[in-house]
C-alpha atoms as a PDB file:
ATOM      1  CA  UNK A   1     -19.060  -7.648  43.528  1.00  0.00           C
ATOM      2  CA  UNK A   2     -21.325  -4.737  41.705  1.00  0.00           C
ATOM      3  CA  UNK A   3     -18.194  -2.370  41.487  1.00  0.00           C
ATOM      4  CA  UNK A   4     -16.017  -4.863  40.288  1.00  0.00           C
ATOM      5  CA  UNK A   5     -17.737  -5.663  37.671  1.00  0.00           C
ATOM      6  CA  UNK A   6     -18.354  -1.904  36.577  1.00  0.00           C
ATOM      7  CA  UNK A   7     -14.698  -1.672  36.535  1.00  0.00           C
ATOM      8  CA  UNK A   8     -14.043  -4.665  34.759  1.00  0.00           C
ATOM      9  CA  UNK A   9     -16.796  -3.419  32.247  1.00  0.00           C
ATOM     10  CA  UNK A  10     -14.694   0.191  31.847  1.00  0.00           C
ATOM     11  CA  UNK A  11     -11.912  -1.374  31.587  1.00  0.00           C
ATOM     12  CA  UNK A  12     -12.473  -3.342  28.874  1.00  0.00           C
ATOM     13  CA  UNK A  13     -15.073  -0.329  26.880  1.00  0.00           C
ATOM     14  CA  UNK A  14     -11.668   1.857  27.267  1.00  0.00           C
ATOM     15  CA  UNK A  15      -9.255  -1.005  26.056  1.00  0.00           C
ATOM     16  CA  UNK A  16     -11.455  -1.740  22.805  1.00  0.00           C
ATOM     17  CA  UNK A  17     -11.564   2.068  22.637  1.00  0.00           C
ATOM     18  CA  UNK A  18      -8.247   2.835  22.615  1.00  0.00           C
ATOM     19  CA  UNK A  19      -7.707  -0.423  20.114  1.00  0.00           C
ATOM     20  CA  UNK A  20     -10.270   0.322  17.795  1.00  0.00           C
ATOM     21  CA  UNK A  21      -8.980   4.346  17.610  1.00  0.00           C
ATOM     22  CA  UNK A  22      -4.754   2.819  17.468  1.00  0.00           C
ATOM     23  CA  UNK A  23      -6.135   1.045  13.976  1.00  0.00           C
ATOM     24  CA  UNK A  24      -7.172   4.148  12.768  1.00  0.00           C
ATOM     25  CA  UNK A  25      -5.883   5.902   9.457  1.00  0.00           C
ATOM     26  CA  UNK A  26      -4.845   9.339   9.443  1.00  0.00           C
ATOM     27  CA  UNK A  27      -3.442  11.190   6.420  1.00  0.00           C
ATOM     28  CA  UNK A  28       0.406  10.112   6.847  1.00  0.00           C
ATOM     29  CA  UNK A  29      -0.555   6.791   8.895  1.00  0.00           C
ATOM     30  CA  UNK A  30      -2.430   3.802   7.049  1.00  0.00           C
ATOM     31  CA  UNK A  31      -5.149   1.686   8.914  1.00  0.00           C
ATOM     32  CA  UNK A  32      -4.912  -1.656   8.743  1.00  0.00           C
ATOM     33  CA  UNK A  33      -7.012  -2.549   6.333  1.00  0.00           C
ATOM     34  CA  UNK A  34      -5.455  -0.093   4.342  1.00  0.00           C
ATOM     35  CA  UNK A  35      -2.008  -1.405   5.201  1.00  0.00           C
ATOM     36  CA  UNK A  36      -3.023  -5.238   3.793  1.00  0.00           C
ATOM     37  CA  UNK A  37      -5.339  -3.554   0.981  1.00  0.00           C
ATOM     38  CA  UNK A  38      -1.553  -1.503  -0.064  1.00  0.00           C
ATOM     39  CA  UNK A  39       0.380  -4.999   0.588  1.00  0.00           C
ATOM     40  CA  UNK A  40      -1.685  -6.280  -1.889  1.00  0.00           C
ATOM     41  CA  UNK A  41      -1.860  -3.624  -4.751  1.00  0.00           C
ATOM     42  CA  UNK A  42       1.918  -3.730  -4.355  1.00  0.00           C
ATOM     43  CA  UNK A  43       2.400  -7.620  -4.653  1.00  0.00           C
ATOM     44  CA  UNK A  44      -0.333  -7.483  -7.854  1.00  0.00           C
ATOM     45  CA  UNK A  45       2.305  -4.237  -9.692  1.00  0.00           C
ATOM     46  CA  UNK A  46       5.409  -6.087  -8.378  1.00  0.00           C
ATOM     47  CA  UNK A  47       3.627  -9.571 -10.339  1.00  0.00           C
ATOM     48  CA  UNK A  48       2.367  -7.430 -13.336  1.00  0.00           C
ATOM     49  CA  UNK A  49       6.194  -6.104 -13.901  1.00  0.00           C
ATOM     50  CA  UNK A  50       8.091  -9.089 -13.138  1.00  0.00           C
ATOM     51  CA  UNK A  51       5.272 -10.610 -16.209  1.00  0.00           C
ATOM     52  CA  UNK A  52       6.453  -8.520 -18.759  1.00  0.00           C
ATOM     53  CA  UNK A  53       9.624  -9.425 -20.231  1.00  0.00           C
ATOM     54  CA  UNK A  54      10.827  -6.706 -21.926  1.00  0.00           C
ATOM     55  CA  UNK A  55      10.969  -4.845 -18.192  1.00  0.00           C
ATOM     56  CA  UNK A  56      14.026  -5.689 -16.127  1.00  0.00           C
ATOM     57  CA  UNK A  57      11.944  -5.562 -12.671  1.00  0.00           C
ATOM     58  CA  UNK A  58      14.942  -6.287 -10.362  1.00  0.00           C
ATOM     59  CA  UNK A  59      15.315  -2.191 -11.116  1.00  0.00           C
ATOM     60  CA  UNK A  60      12.298  -0.894 -10.640  1.00  0.00           C
ATOM     61  CA  UNK A  61      10.654   0.064  -6.492  1.00  0.00           C
ATOM     62  CA  UNK A  62       7.884  -0.374  -5.817  1.00  0.00           C
ATOM     63  CA  UNK A  63       5.372   0.888  -3.099  1.00  0.00           C
ATOM     64  CA  UNK A  64       1.658   2.048  -2.377  1.00  0.00           C
ATOM     65  CA  UNK A  65       0.563   4.370   0.270  1.00  0.00           C
ATOM     66  CA  UNK A  66      -3.814   3.967   0.117  1.00  0.00           C
ATOM     67  CA  UNK A  67      -4.073   3.349  -3.082  1.00  0.00           C
ATOM     68  CA  UNK A  68      -1.452   5.229  -5.148  1.00  0.00           C
ATOM     69  CA  UNK A  69       1.375   3.448  -6.508  1.00  0.00           C
ATOM     70  CA  UNK A  70       4.723   5.160  -6.757  1.00  0.00           C
ATOM     71  CA  UNK A  71       7.595   3.398  -8.887  1.00  0.00           C
ATOM     72  CA  UNK A  72      10.674   4.708  -8.682  1.00  0.00           C
ATOM     73  CA  UNK A  73      14.155   3.192  -9.833  1.00  0.00           C
ATOM     74  CA  UNK A  74      15.647   3.034 -13.625  1.00  0.00           C
ATOM     75  CA  UNK A  75      14.057   1.719 -17.200  1.00  0.00           C
ATOM     76  CA  UNK A  76      16.392   1.630 -20.406  1.00  0.00           C
ATOM     77  CA  UNK A  77      13.396   3.649 -22.144  1.00  0.00           C
ATOM     78  CA  UNK A  78      11.171   5.938 -21.932  1.00  0.00           C
ATOM     79  CA  UNK A  79       8.769   3.407 -23.673  1.00  0.00           C
ATOM     80  CA  UNK A  80      10.120   0.874 -20.502  1.00  0.00           C
ATOM     81  CA  UNK A  81       8.836   3.220 -18.623  1.00  0.00           C
ATOM     82  CA  UNK A  82       5.006   3.715 -19.780  1.00  0.00           C
ATOM     83  CA  UNK A  83       5.023   0.454 -19.912  1.00  0.00           C
ATOM     84  CA  UNK A  84       5.153  -0.352 -16.184  1.00  0.00           C
ATOM     85  CA  UNK A  85       3.069   2.666 -15.587  1.00  0.00           C
ATOM     86  CA  UNK A  86       0.741   0.991 -17.652  1.00  0.00           C
ATOM     87  CA  UNK A  87       1.125  -2.408 -15.591  1.00  0.00           C
ATOM     88  CA  UNK A  88       0.909  -0.338 -12.152  1.00  0.00           C
ATOM     89  CA  UNK A  89      -2.608   1.597 -13.244  1.00  0.00           C
ATOM     90  CA  UNK A  90      -3.878  -1.561 -15.253  1.00  0.00           C
ATOM     91  CA  UNK A  91      -3.942  -3.571 -11.061  1.00  0.00           C
ATOM     92  CA  UNK A  92      -7.545  -3.037  -9.197  1.00  0.00           C
ATOM     93  CA  UNK A  93      -7.334  -0.403  -6.316  1.00  0.00           C
ATOM     94  CA  UNK A  94      -4.618   1.743  -7.868  1.00  0.00           C
ATOM     95  CA  UNK A  95      -5.925   4.733  -7.235  1.00  0.00           C
ATOM     96  CA  UNK A  96      -3.154   6.684  -9.063  1.00  0.00           C
ATOM     97  CA  UNK A  97       0.555   6.096  -9.775  1.00  0.00           C
ATOM     98  CA  UNK A  98       3.810   8.306  -9.370  1.00  0.00           C
ATOM     99  CA  UNK A  99       6.507   7.607 -11.083  1.00  0.00           C
ATOM    100  CA  UNK A 100       9.933   8.410 -10.301  1.00  0.00           C
ATOM    101  CA  UNK A 101      11.170   6.286 -12.581  1.00  0.00           C
ATOM    102  CA  UNK A 102      14.705   7.248 -14.445  1.00  0.00           C
ATOM    103  CA  UNK A 103      15.948   6.818 -17.710  1.00  0.00           C
ATOM    104  CA  UNK A 104      19.944   5.081 -17.756  1.00  0.00           C
END
């Protein structure tokens, strides 16, 4: 009986440690919490761009990794490009913005 409880405790500890390490982030992979944070940032940036009447939100793609927002796609002018970048930078949680947008 004693051996079984020790075995169970060791197994439980191993599973717990494995799941915690599995959720940790690395330089190329986000942890669970970071993924959720980045999803929220992406949604807020998309909403800000959508709510800007001068921008065609369907042509601007937004991706976020560890707080760094990448904007890609097409805009009509350099002014639209600057506006999209400004909107993204003003979203809480954004560390920086990478611009891969192209003018038509």
